[in-house]
Amino acid sequence: FIGRNIIEHLSPKYRIFAPSHQELDLLNEVAVKQYFQRNQIDIVIHSAVKPGHRNAKDPSNLCYSNTRMFFNLVRNAALFDRMIFLSSGAVYDVSKNLVKVSEDSFDTYVPADEHGFAKYISAKYVENVKNITELRLFGVFGKYEDYSIRFISNAICKALHNLPITLKQNRKFDYVYIDDFIPILEYFIQNNSQHNVYNITPNESVELLAIAQTVVRLSGKDIPIHIAQEGMGNEYSGSNNRLRQELSSYLNPIFNPLEENVKRLMAWYSDNLNLIDRQLLLFDK
């Protein structure tokens, strides 16, 4: 979903190569090398990932697949100028309580899950090279995401269909709206970064319950909110001090208020109700 938004926003300004999996298998080292040899590419935005989420068709071999894709790209560094690697806050180990973690706290833990461990391996490589900028995304939301499982879109779609909103457990989270992320990405396309790693997180973390309450209020409907497990789960938030110090003169504000962004996304779904399959909202995974 991030890649689709990047193409939509930036294709009017840049020539973008965005091969599908059928057109280019990133696990095939020969095919990747030949693709670079056939095309003149300045900047690689690596957003491809084999997912392990609840709707993943095949969550096996996540670590192998994701690290291999990464290294099949970086081994061709002589054929491009720079890479922007869309990484994850999972490099800090999501099994821990992550409260405004800074980039310097990386490697305090080795992630226990395959997705996080794959990002960790790639991040260790990024530490020692100069032409890769790693952007560690925590939560990103927006149009084209999987509304059947992604929390904010799921809550909005349920509200539009008069269905109760369900939280597995309340927790604090960092969410960035995709329309706020694209200008950040463009900064790193146009500029040589001062650091090679940045957390991409908002100024304020928010509880999932507060987001659900905002969705209900904006919908104008009387919709119940169910919380499956009591208590607070682990926080998942990062410090954006490094990002703000570098981008404050380039983007002001860097992030719009969460409520404003939720309202914008709700308006998009309202205008595209035909894209929502109500049946996918009836069961929580």
Protein backbone atom coordinates (compact mmCIF):
# COMPACT_ATOMS: atom_id res chain seq x y z
CA PHE A 1 0.00 0.00 0.00
CA ILE A 2 2.92 2.35 0.64
CA GLY A 3 4.37 1.64 -2.80
CA ARG A 4 1.05 2.32 -4.50
CA ASN A 5 0.78 5.68 -2.75
CA ILE A 6 4.38 6.57 -3.66
CA ILE A 7 3.68 5.89 -7.34
CA GLU A 8 0.45 7.88 -7.26
CA HIS A 9 1.99 10.92 -5.57
CA LEU A 10 5.41 11.07 -7.24
CA SER A 11 4.95 9.76 -10.77
CA PRO A 12 3.98 13.24 -12.09
CA LYS A 13 7.41 14.53 -10.98
CA TYR A 14 9.74 11.57 -11.49
CA ARG A 15 10.21 8.71 -13.89
CA ILE A 16 9.38 5.72 -11.72
CA PHE A 17 10.14 2.08 -12.38
CA ALA A 18 7.70 -0.04 -10.38
CA PRO A 19 7.83 -3.62 -11.64
CA SER A 20 5.30 -6.08 -10.26
CA HIS A 21 6.42 -9.37 -8.76
CA GLN A 22 5.58 -11.05 -12.08
CA GLU A 23 7.79 -8.56 -13.92
CA LEU A 24 10.71 -8.76 -11.48
CA ASP A 25 11.27 -11.36 -8.79
CA LEU A 26 13.51 -9.69 -6.21
CA LEU A 27 14.51 -13.11 -4.91
CA ASN A 28 16.18 -13.83 -8.27
CA GLU A 29 19.65 -12.29 -8.11
CA VAL A 30 20.29 -12.67 -11.85
CA ALA A 31 16.99 -11.02 -12.78
CA VAL A 32 17.64 -8.12 -10.39
CA LYS A 33 21.09 -7.48 -11.83
CA GLN A 34 19.81 -7.61 -15.39
CA TYR A 35 17.01 -5.17 -14.51
CA PHE A 36 19.56 -2.62 -13.28
CA GLN A 37 21.69 -3.19 -16.36
CA ARG A 38 18.70 -2.55 -18.67
CA ASN A 39 17.46 0.57 -16.88
CA GLN A 40 19.22 3.73 -15.78
CA ILE A 41 18.19 4.17 -12.16
CA ASP A 42 19.32 6.96 -9.83
CA ILE A 43 17.53 6.14 -6.59
CA VAL A 44 16.11 2.86 -5.31
CA ILE A 45 13.19 3.10 -2.89
CA HIS A 46 13.09 -0.34 -1.33
CA SER A 47 9.59 -0.85 0.04
CA ALA A 48 9.08 -4.47 -1.01
CA VAL A 49 8.47 -6.97 1.75
CA LYS A 50 7.13 -10.48 2.15
CA PRO A 51 4.42 -9.92 4.76
CA GLY A 52 3.76 -11.94 7.86
CA HIS A 53 0.53 -10.23 8.92
CA ARG A 54 -2.76 -11.97 9.65
CA ASN A 55 -3.86 -11.91 5.99
CA ALA A 56 -0.56 -13.11 4.54
CA LYS A 57 -1.06 -15.94 2.06
CA ASP A 58 2.30 -17.53 2.86
CA PRO A 59 4.07 -16.27 6.00
CA SER A 60 6.87 -18.85 5.76
CA ASN A 61 10.55 -18.00 5.24
CA LEU A 62 10.05 -14.33 6.07
CA CYS A 63 13.59 -13.71 7.26
CA TYR A 64 15.18 -15.48 4.29
CA SER A 65 12.97 -13.80 1.69
CA ASN A 66 13.21 -10.27 3.06
CA THR A 67 16.95 -10.31 3.65
CA ARG A 68 17.59 -11.87 0.26
CA MET A 69 15.53 -9.18 -1.49
CA PHE A 70 17.50 -6.51 0.34
CA PHE A 71 20.90 -7.94 -0.55
CA ASN A 72 19.94 -8.72 -4.14
CA LEU A 73 19.38 -4.97 -4.45
CA VAL A 74 22.35 -3.59 -2.51
CA ARG A 75 24.86 -5.87 -4.24
CA ASN A 76 24.13 -3.81 -7.37
CA ALA A 77 25.04 -0.52 -5.67
CA ALA A 78 27.46 0.32 -8.49
CA LEU A 79 24.46 0.57 -10.84
CA PHE A 80 22.55 3.22 -8.86
CA ASP A 81 23.40 6.31 -6.80
CA ARG A 82 21.48 5.89 -3.56
CA MET A 83 18.94 3.68 -1.82
CA ILE A 84 16.14 4.72 0.52
CA PHE A 85 15.28 1.65 2.57
CA LEU A 86 11.81 1.67 4.12
CA SER A 87 12.54 -0.21 7.31
CA SER A 88 10.51 -0.62 10.49
CA GLY A 89 10.39 0.12 14.19
CA ALA A 90 10.43 -3.67 14.48
CA VAL A 91 14.26 -3.46 14.39
CA TYR A 92 14.05 -2.48 18.09
CA ASP A 93 12.14 -5.70 18.95
CA VAL A 94 8.36 -5.34 19.21
CA SER A 95 8.22 -7.92 22.03
CA LYS A 96 9.64 -5.17 24.28
CA ASN A 97 7.95 -2.05 25.63
CA LEU A 98 9.27 0.55 23.18
CA VAL A 99 8.77 4.07 24.54
CA LYS A 100 10.11 6.88 22.32
CA VAL A 101 13.12 4.79 21.38
CA SER A 102 15.90 6.70 19.64
CA GLU A 103 17.95 5.57 16.67
CA ASP A 104 20.94 5.19 18.99
CA SER A 105 19.14 2.52 21.00
CA PHE A 106 19.31 0.14 18.04
CA ASP A 107 20.88 -3.23 18.91
CA THR A 108 19.83 -3.03 22.55
CA TYR A 109 17.82 -6.11 21.64
CA VAL A 110 17.85 -8.58 18.76
CA PRO A 111 14.24 -8.90 17.52
CA ALA A 112 12.59 -12.18 18.37
CA ASP A 113 10.25 -12.28 15.36
CA GLU A 114 11.30 -13.07 11.78
CA HIS A 115 10.09 -9.78 10.31
CA GLY A 116 11.96 -7.72 12.88
CA PHE A 117 15.05 -9.89 12.63
CA ALA A 118 15.19 -9.45 8.84
CA LYS A 119 15.01 -5.67 9.28
CA TYR A 120 17.67 -5.91 12.00
CA ILE A 121 20.08 -7.77 9.70
CA SER A 122 19.60 -5.16 6.97
CA ALA A 123 20.02 -2.33 9.48
CA LYS A 124 23.33 -3.79 10.66
CA TYR A 125 24.53 -3.63 7.06
CA VAL A 126 23.29 -0.05 6.64
CA GLU A 127 25.48 1.01 9.59
CA ASN A 128 28.58 0.45 7.46
CA VAL A 129 27.63 1.97 4.10
CA LYS A 130 27.18 5.54 2.94
CA ASN A 131 24.70 5.39 0.07
CA ILE A 132 21.70 3.93 1.96
CA THR A 133 19.26 5.93 4.08
CA GLU A 134 17.12 3.79 6.35
CA LEU A 135 13.70 5.17 7.30
CA ARG A 136 12.25 3.27 10.26
CA LEU A 137 8.48 3.41 9.94
CA PHE A 138 6.39 2.51 12.96
CA GLY A 139 2.70 2.75 12.06
CA VAL A 140 1.61 4.09 8.67
CA PHE A 141 -2.02 4.35 7.62
CA GLY A 142 -3.91 5.56 4.58
CA LYS A 143 -5.87 4.60 1.50
CA TYR A 144 -5.16 1.26 -0.19
CA GLU A 145 -4.10 -0.43 3.06
CA ASP A 146 -5.76 -3.70 4.05
CA TYR A 147 -8.84 -2.36 5.82
CA SER A 148 -9.82 -5.83 7.02
CA ILE A 149 -6.91 -5.89 9.52
CA ARG A 150 -5.21 -2.45 9.64
CA PHE A 151 -6.58 -0.72 12.71
CA ILE A 152 -7.43 2.84 11.62
CA SER A 153 -8.89 1.89 8.24
CA ASN A 154 -10.70 -1.03 9.86
CA ALA A 155 -12.26 1.25 12.48
CA ILE A 156 -13.34 3.78 9.85
CA CYS A 157 -14.85 1.15 7.57
CA LYS A 158 -16.70 -0.45 10.47
CA ALA A 159 -18.08 2.91 11.52
CA LEU A 160 -19.30 3.61 7.99
CA HIS A 161 -21.10 0.25 8.05
CA ASN A 162 -22.50 0.72 11.58
CA LEU A 163 -20.42 -2.10 13.01
CA PRO A 164 -18.76 -2.17 16.45
CA ILE A 165 -15.04 -1.38 16.60
CA THR A 166 -12.84 -3.99 18.28
CA LEU A 167 -9.44 -3.60 19.94
CA LYS A 168 -7.44 -6.69 20.81
CA GLN A 169 -5.88 -4.60 23.59
CA ASN A 170 -5.37 -0.92 24.18
CA ARG A 171 -1.80 0.34 23.70
CA LYS A 172 0.10 3.46 22.75
CA PHE A 173 1.19 3.60 19.14
CA ASP A 174 2.89 5.88 16.63
CA TYR A 175 0.86 6.45 13.47
CA VAL A 176 1.92 8.50 10.44
CA TYR A 177 -0.55 9.29 7.67
CA ILE A 178 0.69 8.27 4.23
CA ASP A 179 0.11 11.80 2.86
CA ASP A 180 2.44 13.15 5.56
CA PHE A 181 5.06 10.53 4.80
CA ILE A 182 5.35 11.24 1.05
CA PRO A 183 6.86 14.76 1.49
CA ILE A 184 9.33 13.29 4.01
CA LEU A 185 10.31 10.66 1.45
CA GLU A 186 10.72 13.33 -1.21
CA TYR A 187 13.10 15.24 1.03
CA PHE A 188 15.38 12.21 1.13
CA ILE A 189 15.03 11.79 -2.64
CA GLN A 190 16.18 15.35 -3.24
CA ASN A 191 18.78 15.72 -0.48
CA ASN A 192 21.78 13.90 0.90
CA SER A 193 20.81 13.08 4.48
CA GLN A 194 22.89 14.08 7.49
CA HIS A 195 22.45 10.60 9.02
CA ASN A 196 21.84 7.21 7.52
CA VAL A 197 18.99 6.20 9.87
CA TYR A 198 15.80 8.04 10.90
CA ASN A 199 12.73 7.10 12.90
CA ILE A 200 9.62 8.18 11.00
CA THR A 201 7.27 8.85 13.88
CA PRO A 202 4.82 11.64 14.80
CA ASN A 203 5.30 14.15 17.59
CA GLU A 204 2.64 12.54 19.77
CA SER A 205 1.90 8.90 20.46
CA VAL A 206 -1.74 7.93 20.83
CA GLU A 207 -3.76 5.17 22.47
CA LEU A 208 -5.71 2.90 20.14
CA LEU A 209 -8.80 3.50 22.27
CA ALA A 210 -8.48 7.26 21.68
CA ILE A 211 -8.29 6.64 17.93
CA ALA A 212 -11.43 4.49 18.05
CA GLN A 213 -13.24 7.18 20.03
CA THR A 214 -12.17 9.79 17.46
CA VAL A 215 -13.50 7.65 14.62
CA VAL A 216 -16.84 7.20 16.40
CA ARG A 217 -17.13 10.93 17.08
CA LEU A 218 -16.25 11.90 13.51
CA SER A 219 -18.73 9.37 12.14
CA GLY A 220 -21.55 10.94 14.15
CA LYS A 221 -22.83 7.46 15.01
CA ASP A 222 -23.48 5.62 18.25
CA ILE A 223 -21.11 2.69 17.75
CA PRO A 224 -19.81 0.48 20.58
CA ILE A 225 -16.10 -0.07 21.11
CA HIS A 226 -15.07 -3.50 22.37
CA ILE A 227 -11.70 -4.24 24.00
CA ALA A 228 -10.92 -7.97 23.97
CA GLN A 229 -8.15 -7.90 26.59
CA GLU A 230 -7.99 -5.62 29.62
CA GLY A 231 -4.99 -3.51 30.55
CA MET A 232 -2.40 -1.78 28.40
CA GLY A 233 -0.24 -3.66 25.92
CA ASN A 234 3.35 -2.76 25.11
CA GLU A 235 3.91 0.72 23.76
CA TYR A 236 5.30 1.04 20.24
CA SER A 237 6.74 4.51 19.79
CA GLY A 238 9.94 6.15 18.64
CA SER A 239 11.67 9.50 19.06
CA ASN A 240 11.56 11.75 16.01
CA ASN A 241 14.09 14.30 17.31
CA ARG A 242 16.60 13.52 14.58
CA LEU A 243 13.98 13.81 11.86
CA ARG A 244 12.59 17.09 13.18
CA GLN A 245 16.03 18.66 13.54
CA GLU A 246 16.78 18.00 9.88
CA LEU A 247 13.41 18.61 8.26
CA SER A 248 11.96 21.48 10.32
CA SER A 249 13.16 24.09 7.83
CA TYR A 250 12.01 21.98 4.87
CA LEU A 251 8.55 20.96 6.08
CA ASN A 252 6.41 22.96 8.49
CA PRO A 253 4.53 21.24 9.92
CA ILE A 254 6.08 17.85 9.26
CA PHE A 255 2.98 16.08 10.57
CA ASN A 256 -0.63 17.19 10.50
CA PRO A 257 -2.86 16.46 13.54
CA LEU A 258 -3.97 12.84 13.72
CA GLU A 259 -7.64 13.77 13.95
CA GLU A 260 -7.38 15.82 10.77
CA ASN A 261 -5.76 12.91 8.96
CA VAL A 262 -8.36 10.42 10.23
CA LYS A 263 -11.06 12.80 8.99
CA ARG A 264 -9.42 12.95 5.55
CA LEU A 265 -9.18 9.18 5.32
CA MET A 266 -12.79 8.79 6.44
CA ALA A 267 -13.86 11.17 3.67
CA TRP A 268 -11.92 9.05 1.13
CA TYR A 269 -13.61 5.86 2.28
CA SER A 270 -16.99 7.61 2.24
CA ASP A 271 -16.37 8.54 -1.40
CA ASN A 272 -15.26 4.99 -2.21
CA LEU A 273 -17.75 2.84 -0.32
CA ASN A 274 -17.90 0.49 -3.31
CA LEU A 275 -14.34 -0.61 -2.48
CA ILE A 276 -15.32 -1.89 0.97
CA ASP A 277 -16.47 -5.48 1.31
CA ARG A 278 -18.65 -5.49 4.41
CA GLN A 279 -18.18 -9.23 4.83
CA LEU A 280 -14.48 -8.69 5.53
CA LEU A 281 -15.40 -6.52 8.52
CA LEU A 282 -17.62 -9.04 10.29
CA PHE A 283 -14.82 -11.16 11.76
CA ASP A 284 -11.78 -9.85 13.61
CA LYS A 285 -8.55 -11.69 12.89
